[in-house]
Amino acid sequence: MDECKPLAAGFAVDAGTTAEELGTAVSAVLSPGHIPAARLAVACADALADAAEYFKAEAKRKARALDDFTHLLKSARREVKAATTWEAAAAELGTEGAWRRAVHGGGGGKEAGAYTRSLFSSA
């Protein structure tokens, strides 16, 4: 859950964001008294609950993509050895769905793509 989603005024919501922090950030961009404090607190708590579900789903999707990628690398029908370069692996496995999901953001985003690339030697 290390991802953040940007919010107005440069604020980002992440796993550690509290309802009070979110309320303060939202209040900073609203007219004073526009939303009663109690209503704002409920809305912020609801938004954080939704964000937690989103982060949980994203983490599951990334884990699933990387598991699929690992299975693809271990597959008996493909030869991927320790000395295989990224380019050679991409040429051999690039059409596989697990490769696309893990490398091109279908399940892991940029972080997973960088991680999967780091598994290969660059020589």
C-alpha atoms as a PDB file:
ATOM      1  CA  MET A   1       0.000   0.000   0.000  1.00  0.00           C
ATOM      2  CA  ASP A   2       2.777   2.394  -0.802  1.00  0.00           C
ATOM      3  CA  GLU A   3       0.893   4.061  -3.635  1.00  0.00           C
ATOM      4  CA  CYS A   4      -0.715   7.439  -3.197  1.00  0.00           C
ATOM      5  CA  LYS A   5      -3.589   9.010  -5.062  1.00  0.00           C
ATOM      6  CA  PRO A   6      -3.297  12.788  -5.538  1.00  0.00           C
ATOM      7  CA  LEU A   7      -5.975  15.052  -4.130  1.00  0.00           C
ATOM      8  CA  ALA A   8      -6.566  18.775  -4.443  1.00  0.00           C
ATOM      9  CA  ALA A   9      -3.936  21.191  -3.151  1.00  0.00           C
ATOM     10  CA  GLY A  10      -1.068  18.728  -3.528  1.00  0.00           C
ATOM     11  CA  PHE A  11      -2.401  16.350  -0.885  1.00  0.00           C
ATOM     12  CA  ALA A  12      -2.165  12.599  -1.489  1.00  0.00           C
ATOM     13  CA  VAL A  13      -4.091   9.804   0.195  1.00  0.00           C
ATOM     14  CA  ASP A  14      -2.092   6.743   1.237  1.00  0.00           C
ATOM     15  CA  ALA A  15      -2.425   3.930   3.749  1.00  0.00           C
ATOM     16  CA  GLY A  16      -1.392   6.184   6.638  1.00  0.00           C
ATOM     17  CA  THR A  17      -3.742   9.081   5.934  1.00  0.00           C
ATOM     18  CA  THR A  18      -6.117   9.919   8.778  1.00  0.00           C
ATOM     19  CA  ALA A  19      -9.613  11.355   8.454  1.00  0.00           C
ATOM     20  CA  GLU A  20      -8.421  14.502  10.238  1.00  0.00           C
ATOM     21  CA  GLU A  21      -5.586  15.029   7.719  1.00  0.00           C
ATOM     22  CA  LEU A  22      -7.938  14.510   4.811  1.00  0.00           C
ATOM     23  CA  GLY A  23     -10.531  16.814   6.370  1.00  0.00           C
ATOM     24  CA  THR A  24      -7.935  19.543   6.825  1.00  0.00           C
ATOM     25  CA  ALA A  25      -6.801  19.226   3.191  1.00  0.00           C
ATOM     26  CA  VAL A  26     -10.382  19.316   1.886  1.00  0.00           C
ATOM     27  CA  SER A  27     -11.279  22.254   4.142  1.00  0.00           C
ATOM     28  CA  ALA A  28      -8.320  24.186   2.753  1.00  0.00           C
ATOM     29  CA  VAL A  29      -9.850  24.187  -0.740  1.00  0.00           C
ATOM     30  CA  LEU A  30     -13.477  24.809   0.290  1.00  0.00           C
ATOM     31  CA  SER A  31     -15.180  27.992   1.332  1.00  0.00           C
ATOM     32  CA  PRO A  32     -15.294  28.316   5.143  1.00  0.00           C
ATOM     33  CA  GLY A  33     -18.420  26.659   6.558  1.00  0.00           C
ATOM     34  CA  HIS A  34     -19.325  25.163   3.164  1.00  0.00           C
ATOM     35  CA  ILE A  35     -19.675  21.693   4.703  1.00  0.00           C
ATOM     36  CA  PRO A  36     -20.438  21.183   8.405  1.00  0.00           C
ATOM     37  CA  ALA A  37     -17.506  19.632  10.308  1.00  0.00           C
ATOM     38  CA  ALA A  38     -19.440  16.498  11.322  1.00  0.00           C
ATOM     39  CA  ARG A  39     -20.537  15.854   7.743  1.00  0.00           C
ATOM     40  CA  LEU A  40     -16.992  16.427   6.464  1.00  0.00           C
ATOM     41  CA  ALA A  41     -15.630  13.942   9.026  1.00  0.00           C
ATOM     42  CA  VAL A  42     -18.085  11.251   7.882  1.00  0.00           C
ATOM     43  CA  ALA A  43     -17.291  11.913   4.206  1.00  0.00           C
ATOM     44  CA  CYS A  44     -13.551  11.715   4.883  1.00  0.00           C
ATOM     45  CA  ALA A  45     -13.909   8.464   6.838  1.00  0.00           C
ATOM     46  CA  ASP A  46     -15.947   6.993   3.956  1.00  0.00           C
ATOM     47  CA  ALA A  47     -13.396   8.159   1.400  1.00  0.00           C
ATOM     48  CA  LEU A  48     -10.561   6.582   3.387  1.00  0.00           C
ATOM     49  CA  ALA A  49     -12.479   3.306   3.658  1.00  0.00           C
ATOM     50  CA  ASP A  50     -12.897   3.328  -0.135  1.00  0.00           C
ATOM     51  CA  ALA A  51      -9.198   4.140  -0.567  1.00  0.00           C
ATOM     52  CA  ALA A  52      -8.240   1.240   1.713  1.00  0.00           C
ATOM     53  CA  GLU A  53     -10.319  -1.128  -0.425  1.00  0.00           C
ATOM     54  CA  TYR A  54      -8.701   0.281  -3.562  1.00  0.00           C
ATOM     55  CA  PHE A  55      -5.178  -0.189  -2.152  1.00  0.00           C
ATOM     56  CA  LYS A  56      -6.045  -3.727  -1.066  1.00  0.00           C
ATOM     57  CA  ALA A  57      -7.362  -4.609  -4.536  1.00  0.00           C
ATOM     58  CA  GLU A  58      -4.295  -3.078  -6.194  1.00  0.00           C
ATOM     59  CA  ALA A  59      -1.963  -5.058  -3.930  1.00  0.00           C
ATOM     60  CA  LYS A  60      -3.820  -8.278  -4.801  1.00  0.00           C
ATOM     61  CA  ARG A  61      -3.657  -7.484  -8.513  1.00  0.00           C
ATOM     62  CA  LYS A  62       0.088  -6.816  -8.330  1.00  0.00           C
ATOM     63  CA  ALA A  63       0.713 -10.005  -6.373  1.00  0.00           C
ATOM     64  CA  ARG A  64      -1.351 -12.031  -8.832  1.00  0.00           C
ATOM     65  CA  ALA A  65       0.495 -10.540 -11.820  1.00  0.00           C
ATOM     66  CA  LEU A  66       3.879 -11.282 -10.275  1.00  0.00           C
ATOM     67  CA  ASP A  67       2.786 -14.821  -9.377  1.00  0.00           C
ATOM     68  CA  ASP A  68       1.673 -15.347 -12.975  1.00  0.00           C
ATOM     69  CA  PHE A  69       4.974 -13.923 -14.169  1.00  0.00           C
ATOM     70  CA  THR A  70       6.939 -16.278 -11.917  1.00  0.00           C
ATOM     71  CA  HIS A  71       4.897 -19.233 -13.149  1.00  0.00           C
ATOM     72  CA  LEU A  72       5.574 -18.162 -16.734  1.00  0.00           C
ATOM     73  CA  LEU A  73       9.322 -18.064 -16.090  1.00  0.00           C
ATOM     74  CA  LYS A  74       9.217 -21.537 -14.522  1.00  0.00           C
ATOM     75  CA  SER A  75       7.069 -22.977 -17.300  1.00  0.00           C
ATOM     76  CA  ALA A  76       8.495 -26.122 -18.893  1.00  0.00           C
ATOM     77  CA  ARG A  77       7.560 -24.944 -22.388  1.00  0.00           C
ATOM     78  CA  ARG A  78       9.813 -21.886 -22.196  1.00  0.00           C
ATOM     79  CA  GLU A  79      13.531 -21.786 -21.542  1.00  0.00           C
ATOM     80  CA  VAL A  80      14.516 -18.951 -19.238  1.00  0.00           C
ATOM     81  CA  LYS A  81      17.871 -19.405 -17.576  1.00  0.00           C
ATOM     82  CA  ALA A  82      19.754 -17.326 -15.047  1.00  0.00           C
ATOM     83  CA  ALA A  83      21.877 -15.771 -17.805  1.00  0.00           C
ATOM     84  CA  THR A  84      18.857 -14.798 -19.946  1.00  0.00           C
ATOM     85  CA  THR A  85      18.798 -11.088 -20.721  1.00  0.00           C
ATOM     86  CA  TRP A  86      15.700  -8.939 -20.508  1.00  0.00           C
ATOM     87  CA  GLU A  87      15.666  -8.507 -24.284  1.00  0.00           C
ATOM     88  CA  ALA A  88      15.865 -12.266 -24.903  1.00  0.00           C
ATOM     89  CA  ALA A  89      13.113 -12.953 -22.380  1.00  0.00           C
ATOM     90  CA  ALA A  90      10.929 -10.219 -23.891  1.00  0.00           C
ATOM     91  CA  ALA A  91      11.412 -11.697 -27.371  1.00  0.00           C
ATOM     92  CA  GLU A  92      10.528 -15.193 -26.129  1.00  0.00           C
ATOM     93  CA  LEU A  93       7.737 -14.400 -23.675  1.00  0.00           C
ATOM     94  CA  GLY A  94       6.437 -10.980 -24.717  1.00  0.00           C
ATOM     95  CA  THR A  95       3.263 -12.355 -26.293  1.00  0.00           C
ATOM     96  CA  GLU A  96       2.199 -14.184 -23.126  1.00  0.00           C
ATOM     97  CA  GLY A  97      -0.610 -12.639 -21.092  1.00  0.00           C
ATOM     98  CA  ALA A  98       1.299 -13.060 -17.825  1.00  0.00           C
ATOM     99  CA  TRP A  99       4.223 -11.122 -19.296  1.00  0.00           C
ATOM    100  CA  ARG A 100       2.000  -8.261 -20.425  1.00  0.00           C
ATOM    101  CA  ARG A 101       0.161  -8.099 -17.101  1.00  0.00           C
ATOM    102  CA  ALA A 102       3.335  -8.041 -15.015  1.00  0.00           C
ATOM    103  CA  VAL A 103       5.508  -5.886 -17.243  1.00  0.00           C
ATOM    104  CA  HIS A 104       3.159  -3.476 -18.946  1.00  0.00           C
ATOM    105  CA  GLY A 105       1.093  -2.434 -15.972  1.00  0.00           C
ATOM    106  CA  GLY A 106      -1.947  -4.685 -16.330  1.00  0.00           C
ATOM    107  CA  GLY A 107      -1.458  -5.824 -12.773  1.00  0.00           C
ATOM    108  CA  GLY A 108       1.666  -4.355 -11.375  1.00  0.00           C
ATOM    109  CA  GLY A 109       2.102  -0.872 -12.707  1.00  0.00           C
ATOM    110  CA  LYS A 110       5.478   0.788 -13.131  1.00  0.00           C
ATOM    111  CA  GLU A 111       6.860  -0.661  -9.900  1.00  0.00           C
ATOM    112  CA  ALA A 112       6.179  -4.232 -10.970  1.00  0.00           C
ATOM    113  CA  GLY A 113       7.594  -3.561 -14.436  1.00  0.00           C
ATOM    114  CA  ALA A 114      10.802  -2.251 -12.896  1.00  0.00           C
ATOM    115  CA  TYR A 115      10.898  -5.186 -10.490  1.00  0.00           C
ATOM    116  CA  THR A 116      10.403  -7.783 -13.211  1.00  0.00           C
ATOM    117  CA  ARG A 117      13.095  -6.125 -15.333  1.00  0.00           C
ATOM    118  CA  SER A 118      15.494  -6.223 -12.373  1.00  0.00           C
ATOM    119  CA  LEU A 119      15.168 -10.022 -12.287  1.00  0.00           C
ATOM    120  CA  PHE A 120      17.231 -10.287 -15.473  1.00  0.00           C
ATOM    121  CA  SER A 121      20.879  -9.586 -16.163  1.00  0.00           C
ATOM    122  CA  SER A 122      21.531  -6.673 -18.496  1.00  0.00           C
ATOM    123  CA  ALA A 123      24.485  -8.339 -20.162  1.00  0.00           C
END
